Amino acid sequence: MTKFVILGSCRFEPYEILAVPKKEKGLWNTEEGYKKVSERFYPAMDETDVIIVYAPDGIGEHTQQDIDYARSIGKKVYRLEERE
């Protein structure tokens, strides 16, 4: 079975996938919040086969850090883009 992780901004939640970006109450868009969320996401990225990035209006700092981590462990990263 192929495993997926979706990366992207919490601004687009709710997502309906098993592991998704989700705001940490009171810590959204902070380094502390990012570190807490990374504790959930990085193990998922270690286990996944495919990483999909959903960033319709650009990639932010934390999403870029996630992409960099994924690539550093040899994962394939695909970015969803809207076509005109």
PDB file of N, CA and C in Angstrom:
ATOM      1  N   MET A   1       0.844  -1.174   0.000  1.00  0.00           N
ATOM      2  CA  MET A   1       0.000   0.000   0.000  1.00  0.00           C
ATOM      3  C   MET A   1       0.895   1.245   0.000  1.00  0.00           C
ATOM      4  N   THR A   2       0.604   2.168  -0.864  1.00  0.00           N
ATOM      5  CA  THR A   2       1.345   3.419  -0.937  1.00  0.00           C
ATOM      6  C   THR A   2       0.861   4.358   0.161  1.00  0.00           C
ATOM      7  N   LYS A   3       1.813   4.978   0.855  1.00  0.00           N
ATOM      8  CA  LYS A   3       1.493   5.906   1.939  1.00  0.00           C
ATOM      9  C   LYS A   3       1.757   7.336   1.484  1.00  0.00           C
ATOM     10  N   PHE A   4       0.882   8.264   1.906  1.00  0.00           N
ATOM     11  CA  PHE A   4       0.979   9.664   1.514  1.00  0.00           C
ATOM     12  C   PHE A   4       1.035  10.576   2.728  1.00  0.00           C
ATOM     13  N   VAL A   5       1.750  11.684   2.586  1.00  0.00           N
ATOM     14  CA  VAL A   5       1.705  12.800   3.533  1.00  0.00           C
ATOM     15  C   VAL A   5       1.436  14.046   2.711  1.00  0.00           C
ATOM     16  N   ILE A   6       0.554  14.908   3.212  1.00  0.00           N
ATOM     17  CA  ILE A   6       0.279  16.176   2.552  1.00  0.00           C
ATOM     18  C   ILE A   6       0.831  17.294   3.414  1.00  0.00           C
ATOM     19  N   LEU A   7       1.619  18.149   2.797  1.00  0.00           N
ATOM     20  CA  LEU A   7       2.162  19.331   3.464  1.00  0.00           C
ATOM     21  C   LEU A   7       1.463  20.560   2.920  1.00  0.00           C
ATOM     22  N   GLY A   8       1.371  21.583   3.738  1.00  0.00           N
ATOM     23  CA  GLY A   8       0.801  22.846   3.296  1.00  0.00           C
ATOM     24  C   GLY A   8       0.392  23.693   4.469  1.00  0.00           C
ATOM     25  N   SER A   9      -0.162  24.826   4.166  1.00  0.00           N
ATOM     26  CA  SER A   9      -0.532  25.791   5.187  1.00  0.00           C
ATOM     27  C   SER A   9      -1.785  25.373   5.939  1.00  0.00           C
ATOM     28  N   CYS A  10      -1.814  25.699   7.220  1.00  0.00           N
ATOM     29  CA  CYS A  10      -3.015  25.483   8.027  1.00  0.00           C
ATOM     30  C   CYS A  10      -4.150  26.405   7.599  1.00  0.00           C
ATOM     31  N   ARG A  11      -3.835  27.423   6.829  1.00  0.00           N
ATOM     32  CA  ARG A  11      -4.871  28.353   6.374  1.00  0.00           C
ATOM     33  C   ARG A  11      -5.934  27.664   5.550  1.00  0.00           C
ATOM     34  N   PHE A  12      -5.631  26.505   4.990  1.00  0.00           N
ATOM     35  CA  PHE A  12      -6.572  25.822   4.113  1.00  0.00           C
ATOM     36  C   PHE A  12      -7.304  24.681   4.808  1.00  0.00           C
ATOM     37  N   GLU A  13      -7.108  24.537   6.113  1.00  0.00           N
ATOM     38  CA  GLU A  13      -7.816  23.485   6.822  1.00  0.00           C
ATOM     39  C   GLU A  13      -9.297  23.814   6.898  1.00  0.00           C
ATOM     40  N   PRO A  14     -10.179  22.841   7.010  1.00  0.00           N
ATOM     41  CA  PRO A  14      -9.863  21.463   7.324  1.00  0.00           C
ATOM     42  C   PRO A  14      -9.536  20.642   6.083  1.00  0.00           C
ATOM     43  N   TYR A  15      -8.585  19.747   6.242  1.00  0.00           N
ATOM     44  CA  TYR A  15      -8.260  18.747   5.236  1.00  0.00           C
ATOM     45  C   TYR A  15      -8.948  17.456   5.673  1.00  0.00           C
ATOM     46  N   GLU A  16      -9.160  16.536   4.758  1.00  0.00           N
ATOM     47  CA  GLU A  16      -9.752  15.259   5.131  1.00  0.00           C
ATOM     48  C   GLU A  16      -8.833  14.117   4.733  1.00  0.00           C
ATOM     49  N   ILE A  17      -7.636  14.182   5.222  1.00  0.00           N
ATOM     50  CA  ILE A  17      -6.622  13.153   5.008  1.00  0.00           C
ATOM     51  C   ILE A  17      -6.116  12.793   6.411  1.00  0.00           C
ATOM     52  N   LEU A  18      -5.489  11.655   6.570  1.00  0.00           N
ATOM     53  CA  LEU A  18      -5.088  11.214   7.903  1.00  0.00           C
ATOM     54  C   LEU A  18      -4.068  12.113   8.604  1.00  0.00           C
ATOM     55  N   ALA A  19      -3.009  12.493   7.948  1.00  0.00           N
ATOM     56  CA  ALA A  19      -2.004  13.373   8.555  1.00  0.00           C
ATOM     57  C   ALA A  19      -1.993  14.674   7.783  1.00  0.00           C
ATOM     58  N   VAL A  20      -2.472  15.737   8.419  1.00  0.00           N
ATOM     59  CA  VAL A  20      -2.614  17.017   7.731  1.00  0.00           C
ATOM     60  C   VAL A  20      -2.085  18.150   8.596  1.00  0.00           C
ATOM     61  N   PRO A  21      -1.802  19.283   7.965  1.00  0.00           N
ATOM     62  CA  PRO A  21      -1.451  20.458   8.741  1.00  0.00           C
ATOM     63  C   PRO A  21      -2.629  20.866   9.627  1.00  0.00           C
ATOM     64  N   LYS A  22      -2.373  21.063  10.894  1.00  0.00           N
ATOM     65  CA  LYS A  22      -3.414  21.475  11.820  1.00  0.00           C
ATOM     66  C   LYS A  22      -2.830  22.444  12.829  1.00  0.00           C
ATOM     67  N   LYS A  23      -3.516  23.544  13.054  1.00  0.00           N
ATOM     68  CA  LYS A  23      -3.044  24.568  13.974  1.00  0.00           C
ATOM     69  C   LYS A  23      -2.933  24.021  15.388  1.00  0.00           C
ATOM     70  N   GLU A  24      -1.870  24.400  16.070  1.00  0.00           N
ATOM     71  CA  GLU A  24      -1.728  24.114  17.485  1.00  0.00           C
ATOM     72  C   GLU A  24      -2.293  25.323  18.225  1.00  0.00           C
ATOM     73  N   LYS A  25      -3.287  25.100  19.030  1.00  0.00           N
ATOM     74  CA  LYS A  25      -3.975  26.195  19.715  1.00  0.00           C
ATOM     75  C   LYS A  25      -2.986  27.099  20.446  1.00  0.00           C
ATOM     76  N   GLY A  26      -3.039  28.382  20.140  1.00  0.00           N
ATOM     77  CA  GLY A  26      -2.181  29.366  20.775  1.00  0.00           C
ATOM     78  C   GLY A  26      -0.752  29.400  20.274  1.00  0.00           C
ATOM     79  N   LEU A  27      -0.398  28.472  19.364  1.00  0.00           N
ATOM     80  CA  LEU A  27       0.978  28.392  18.884  1.00  0.00           C
ATOM     81  C   LEU A  27       1.072  28.489  17.368  1.00  0.00           C
ATOM     82  N   TRP A  28      -0.046  28.790  16.704  1.00  0.00           N
ATOM     83  CA  TRP A  28      -0.062  28.805  15.249  1.00  0.00           C
ATOM     84  C   TRP A  28       0.925  29.820  14.702  1.00  0.00           C
ATOM     85  N   ASN A  29       1.678  29.398  13.703  1.00  0.00           N
ATOM     86  CA  ASN A  29       2.639  30.224  12.985  1.00  0.00           C
ATOM     87  C   ASN A  29       3.758  30.752  13.886  1.00  0.00           C
ATOM     88  N   THR A  30       4.138  29.937  14.871  1.00  0.00           N
ATOM     89  CA  THR A  30       5.281  30.252  15.730  1.00  0.00           C
ATOM     90  C   THR A  30       6.293  29.132  15.614  1.00  0.00           C
ATOM     91  N   GLU A  31       7.514  29.399  15.975  1.00  0.00           N
ATOM     92  CA  GLU A  31       8.534  28.346  15.949  1.00  0.00           C
ATOM     93  C   GLU A  31       8.180  27.230  16.931  1.00  0.00           C
ATOM     94  N   GLU A  32       7.663  27.586  18.099  1.00  0.00           N
ATOM     95  CA  GLU A  32       7.277  26.578  19.089  1.00  0.00           C
ATOM     96  C   GLU A  32       6.170  25.676  18.546  1.00  0.00           C
ATOM     97  N   GLY A  33       5.175  26.293  17.906  1.00  0.00           N
ATOM     98  CA  GLY A  33       4.096  25.512  17.309  1.00  0.00           C
ATOM     99  C   GLY A  33       4.595  24.627  16.184  1.00  0.00           C
ATOM    100  N   TYR A  34       5.495  25.160  15.365  1.00  0.00           N
ATOM    101  CA  TYR A  34       6.061  24.376  14.267  1.00  0.00           C
ATOM    102  C   TYR A  34       6.814  23.161  14.806  1.00  0.00           C
ATOM    103  N   LYS A  35       7.600  23.358  15.853  1.00  0.00           N
ATOM    104  CA  LYS A  35       8.350  22.239  16.432  1.00  0.00           C
ATOM    105  C   LYS A  35       7.406  21.168  16.966  1.00  0.00           C
ATOM    106  N   LYS A  36       6.309  21.593  17.594  1.00  0.00           N
ATOM    107  CA  LYS A  36       5.344  20.634  18.130  1.00  0.00           C
ATOM    108  C   LYS A  36       4.681  19.833  17.005  1.00  0.00           C
ATOM    109  N   VAL A  37       4.281  20.521  15.943  1.00  0.00           N
ATOM    110  CA  VAL A  37       3.651  19.846  14.804  1.00  0.00           C
ATOM    111  C   VAL A  37       4.654  18.924  14.112  1.00  0.00           C
ATOM    112  N   SER A  38       5.918  19.337  14.050  1.00  0.00           N
ATOM    113  CA  SER A  38       6.955  18.506  13.424  1.00  0.00           C
ATOM    114  C   SER A  38       7.110  17.161  14.121  1.00  0.00           C
ATOM    115  N   GLU A  39       6.827  17.128  15.418  1.00  0.00           N
ATOM    116  CA  GLU A  39       6.897  15.859  16.157  1.00  0.00           C
ATOM    117  C   GLU A  39       5.896  14.847  15.608  1.00  0.00           C
ATOM    118  N   ARG A  40       4.821  15.331  15.006  1.00  0.00           N
ATOM    119  CA  ARG A  40       3.821  14.458  14.402  1.00  0.00           C
ATOM    120  C   ARG A  40       4.131  14.195  12.926  1.00  0.00           C
ATOM    121  N   PHE A  41       4.603  15.233  12.236  1.00  0.00           N
ATOM    122  CA  PHE A  41       4.790  15.125  10.793  1.00  0.00           C
ATOM    123  C   PHE A  41       6.087  14.431  10.391  1.00  0.00           C
ATOM    124  N   TYR A  42       7.180  14.700  11.053  1.00  0.00           N
ATOM    125  CA  TYR A  42       8.444  14.117  10.604  1.00  0.00           C
ATOM    126  C   TYR A  42       8.432  12.596  10.680  1.00  0.00           C
ATOM    127  N   PRO A  43       7.902  11.975  11.731  1.00  0.00           N
ATOM    128  CA  PRO A  43       7.792  10.510  11.702  1.00  0.00           C
ATOM    129  C   PRO A  43       6.905  10.019  10.562  1.00  0.00           C
ATOM    130  N   ALA A  44       5.831  10.753  10.254  1.00  0.00           N
ATOM    131  CA  ALA A  44       4.969  10.372   9.133  1.00  0.00           C
ATOM    132  C   ALA A  44       5.737  10.474   7.824  1.00  0.00           C
ATOM    133  N   MET A  45       6.544  11.530   7.673  1.00  0.00           N
ATOM    134  CA  MET A  45       7.340  11.675   6.450  1.00  0.00           C
ATOM    135  C   MET A  45       8.382  10.573   6.342  1.00  0.00           C
ATOM    136  N   ASP A  46       8.933  10.143   7.469  1.00  0.00           N
ATOM    137  CA  ASP A  46       9.898   9.043   7.454  1.00  0.00           C
ATOM    138  C   ASP A  46       9.278   7.768   6.898  1.00  0.00           C
ATOM    139  N   GLU A  47       7.997   7.560   7.177  1.00  0.00           N
ATOM    140  CA  GLU A  47       7.306   6.334   6.796  1.00  0.00           C
ATOM    141  C   GLU A  47       6.629   6.391   5.433  1.00  0.00           C
ATOM    142  N   THR A  48       6.424   7.575   4.901  1.00  0.00           N
ATOM    143  CA  THR A  48       5.619   7.723   3.694  1.00  0.00           C
ATOM    144  C   THR A  48       6.377   7.356   2.427  1.00  0.00           C
ATOM    145  N   ASP A  49       5.620   7.108   1.391  1.00  0.00           N
ATOM    146  CA  ASP A  49       6.183   6.851   0.067  1.00  0.00           C
ATOM    147  C   ASP A  49       6.149   8.113  -0.792  1.00  0.00           C
ATOM    148  N   VAL A  50       5.120   8.940  -0.598  1.00  0.00           N
ATOM    149  CA  VAL A  50       4.898  10.105  -1.445  1.00  0.00           C
ATOM    150  C   VAL A  50       4.519  11.295  -0.568  1.00  0.00           C
ATOM    151  N   ILE A  51       5.114  12.448  -0.870  1.00  0.00           N
ATOM    152  CA  ILE A  51       4.767  13.684  -0.169  1.00  0.00           C
ATOM    153  C   ILE A  51       4.196  14.650  -1.190  1.00  0.00           C
ATOM    154  N   ILE A  52       3.010  15.169  -0.877  1.00  0.00           N
ATOM    155  CA  ILE A  52       2.327  16.114  -1.743  1.00  0.00           C
ATOM    156  C   ILE A  52       2.266  17.450  -1.015  1.00  0.00           C
ATOM    157  N   VAL A  53       2.628  18.519  -1.732  1.00  0.00           N
ATOM    158  CA  VAL A  53       2.578  19.864  -1.160  1.00  0.00           C
ATOM    159  C   VAL A  53       1.398  20.604  -1.775  1.00  0.00           C
ATOM    160  N   TYR A  54       0.513  21.087  -0.921  1.00  0.00           N
ATOM    161  CA  TYR A  54      -0.618  21.889  -1.369  1.00  0.00           C
ATOM    162  C   TYR A  54      -0.348  23.333  -0.950  1.00  0.00           C
ATOM    163  N   ALA A  55       0.010  24.160  -1.920  1.00  0.00           N
ATOM    164  CA  ALA A  55       0.361  25.555  -1.646  1.00  0.00           C
ATOM    165  C   ALA A  55      -0.112  26.429  -2.793  1.00  0.00           C
ATOM    166  N   PRO A  56      -1.427  26.653  -2.886  1.00  0.00           N
ATOM    167  CA  PRO A  56      -1.961  27.380  -4.033  1.00  0.00           C
ATOM    168  C   PRO A  56      -1.506  28.834  -4.133  1.00  0.00           C
ATOM    169  N   ASP A  57      -1.077  29.417  -3.031  1.00  0.00           N
ATOM    170  CA  ASP A  57      -0.650  30.817  -3.089  1.00  0.00           C
ATOM    171  C   ASP A  57       0.799  31.002  -2.649  1.00  0.00           C
ATOM    172  N   GLY A  58       1.593  29.948  -2.768  1.00  0.00           N
ATOM    173  CA  GLY A  58       3.013  30.046  -2.444  1.00  0.00           C
ATOM    174  C   GLY A  58       3.391  29.212  -1.239  1.00  0.00           C
ATOM    175  N   ILE A  59       4.668  28.962  -1.107  1.00  0.00           N
ATOM    176  CA  ILE A  59       5.197  28.132  -0.031  1.00  0.00           C
ATOM    177  C   ILE A  59       5.777  29.033   1.051  1.00  0.00           C
ATOM    178  N   GLY A  60       5.300  28.843   2.271  1.00  0.00           N
ATOM    179  CA  GLY A  60       5.782  29.613   3.411  1.00  0.00           C
ATOM    180  C   GLY A  60       7.043  28.998   4.007  1.00  0.00           C
ATOM    181  N   GLU A  61       7.581  29.687   4.990  1.00  0.00           N
ATOM    182  CA  GLU A  61       8.840  29.272   5.620  1.00  0.00           C
ATOM    183  C   GLU A  61       8.773  27.871   6.214  1.00  0.00           C
ATOM    184  N   HIS A  62       7.732  27.575   6.986  1.00  0.00           N
ATOM    185  CA  HIS A  62       7.650  26.269   7.638  1.00  0.00           C
ATOM    186  C   HIS A  62       7.399  25.147   6.641  1.00  0.00           C
ATOM    187  N   THR A  63       6.561  25.389   5.655  1.00  0.00           N
ATOM    188  CA  THR A  63       6.343  24.366   4.631  1.00  0.00           C
ATOM    189  C   THR A  63       7.639  24.098   3.875  1.00  0.00           C
ATOM    190  N   GLN A  64       8.414  25.138   3.603  1.00  0.00           N
ATOM    191  CA  GLN A  64       9.706  24.951   2.936  1.00  0.00           C
ATOM    192  C   GLN A  64      10.649  24.123   3.799  1.00  0.00           C
ATOM    193  N   GLN A  65      10.632  24.350   5.104  1.00  0.00           N
ATOM    194  CA  GLN A  65      11.458  23.533   6.006  1.00  0.00           C
ATOM    195  C   GLN A  65      11.045  22.069   5.929  1.00  0.00           C
ATOM    196  N   ASP A  66       9.737  21.811   5.857  1.00  0.00           N
ATOM    197  CA  ASP A  66       9.243  20.433   5.730  1.00  0.00           C
ATOM    198  C   ASP A  66       9.699  19.806   4.414  1.00  0.00           C
ATOM    199  N   ILE A  67       9.615  20.568   3.330  1.00  0.00           N
ATOM    200  CA  ILE A  67      10.059  20.077   2.023  1.00  0.00           C
ATOM    201  C   ILE A  67      11.551  19.755   2.063  1.00  0.00           C
ATOM    202  N   ASP A  68      12.333  20.643   2.648  1.00  0.00           N
ATOM    203  CA  ASP A  68      13.776  20.421   2.758  1.00  0.00           C
ATOM    204  C   ASP A  68      14.073  19.149   3.543  1.00  0.00           C
ATOM    205  N   TYR A  69      13.338  18.934   4.637  1.00  0.00           N
ATOM    206  CA  TYR A  69      13.535  17.716   5.430  1.00  0.00           C
ATOM    207  C   TYR A  69      13.198  16.489   4.585  1.00  0.00           C
ATOM    208  N   ALA A  70      12.058  16.520   3.917  1.00  0.00           N
ATOM    209  CA  ALA A  70      11.632  15.376   3.105  1.00  0.00           C
ATOM    210  C   ALA A  70      12.681  15.030   2.055  1.00  0.00           C
ATOM    211  N   ARG A  71      13.185  16.038   1.385  1.00  0.00           N
ATOM    212  CA  ARG A  71      14.202  15.785   0.360  1.00  0.00           C
ATOM    213  C   ARG A  71      15.499  15.274   0.970  1.00  0.00           C
ATOM    214  N   SER A  72      15.823  15.747   2.183  1.00  0.00           N
ATOM    215  CA  SER A  72      17.063  15.316   2.838  1.00  0.00           C
ATOM    216  C   SER A  72      17.035  13.834   3.195  1.00  0.00           C
ATOM    217  N   ILE A  73      15.827  13.270   3.342  1.00  0.00           N
ATOM    218  CA  ILE A  73      15.720  11.835   3.642  1.00  0.00           C
ATOM    219  C   ILE A  73      15.349  11.031   2.399  1.00  0.00           C
ATOM    220  N   GLY A  74      15.468  11.679   1.239  1.00  0.00           N
ATOM    221  CA  GLY A  74      15.311  10.972  -0.027  1.00  0.00           C
ATOM    222  C   GLY A  74      13.895  10.748  -0.497  1.00  0.00           C
ATOM    223  N   LYS A  75      12.942  11.523   0.002  1.00  0.00           N
ATOM    224  CA  LYS A  75      11.546  11.355  -0.414  1.00  0.00           C
ATOM    225  C   LYS A  75      11.258  12.155  -1.679  1.00  0.00           C
ATOM    226  N   LYS A  76      10.344  11.637  -2.481  1.00  0.00           N
ATOM    227  CA  LYS A  76       9.880  12.370  -3.646  1.00  0.00           C
ATOM    228  C   LYS A  76       8.806  13.351  -3.181  1.00  0.00           C
ATOM    229  N   VAL A  77       8.936  14.589  -3.625  1.00  0.00           N
ATOM    230  CA  VAL A  77       8.007  15.640  -3.225  1.00  0.00           C
ATOM    231  C   VAL A  77       7.325  16.180  -4.474  1.00  0.00           C
ATOM    232  N   TYR A  78       6.005  16.205  -4.459  1.00  0.00           N
ATOM    233  CA  TYR A  78       5.218  16.706  -5.576  1.00  0.00           C
ATOM    234  C   TYR A  78       4.405  17.902  -5.098  1.00  0.00           C
ATOM    235  N   ARG A  79       4.396  18.956  -5.891  1.00  0.00           N
ATOM    236  CA  ARG A  79       3.626  20.145  -5.551  1.00  0.00           C
ATOM    237  C   ARG A  79       2.400  20.218  -6.455  1.00  0.00           C
ATOM    238  N   LEU A  80       1.232  20.357  -5.834  1.00  0.00           N
ATOM    239  CA  LEU A  80       0.000  20.537  -6.597  1.00  0.00           C
ATOM    240  C   LEU A  80      -0.091  21.989  -7.012  1.00  0.00           C
ATOM    241  N   GLU A  81      -0.335  22.224  -8.279  1.00  0.00           N
ATOM    242  CA  GLU A  81      -0.463  23.575  -8.791  1.00  0.00           C
ATOM    243  C   GLU A  81      -1.749  23.690  -9.585  1.00  0.00           C
ATOM    244  N   GLU A  82      -2.372  24.828  -9.477  1.00  0.00           N
ATOM    245  CA  GLU A  82      -3.582  25.085 -10.250  1.00  0.00           C
ATOM    246  C   GLU A  82      -3.172  25.537 -11.642  1.00  0.00           C
ATOM    247  N   ARG A  83      -3.814  24.990 -12.633  1.00  0.00           N
ATOM    248  CA  ARG A  83      -3.544  25.397 -14.015  1.00  0.00           C
ATOM    249  C   ARG A  83      -4.649  26.302 -14.495  1.00  0.00           C
ATOM    250  N   GLU A  84      -4.261  27.294 -15.267  1.00  0.00           N
ATOM    251  CA  GLU A  84      -5.273  28.218 -15.799  1.00  0.00           C
ATOM    252  C   GLU A  84      -5.882  27.690 -17.069  1.00  0.00           C
TER     253      GLU A  84
END
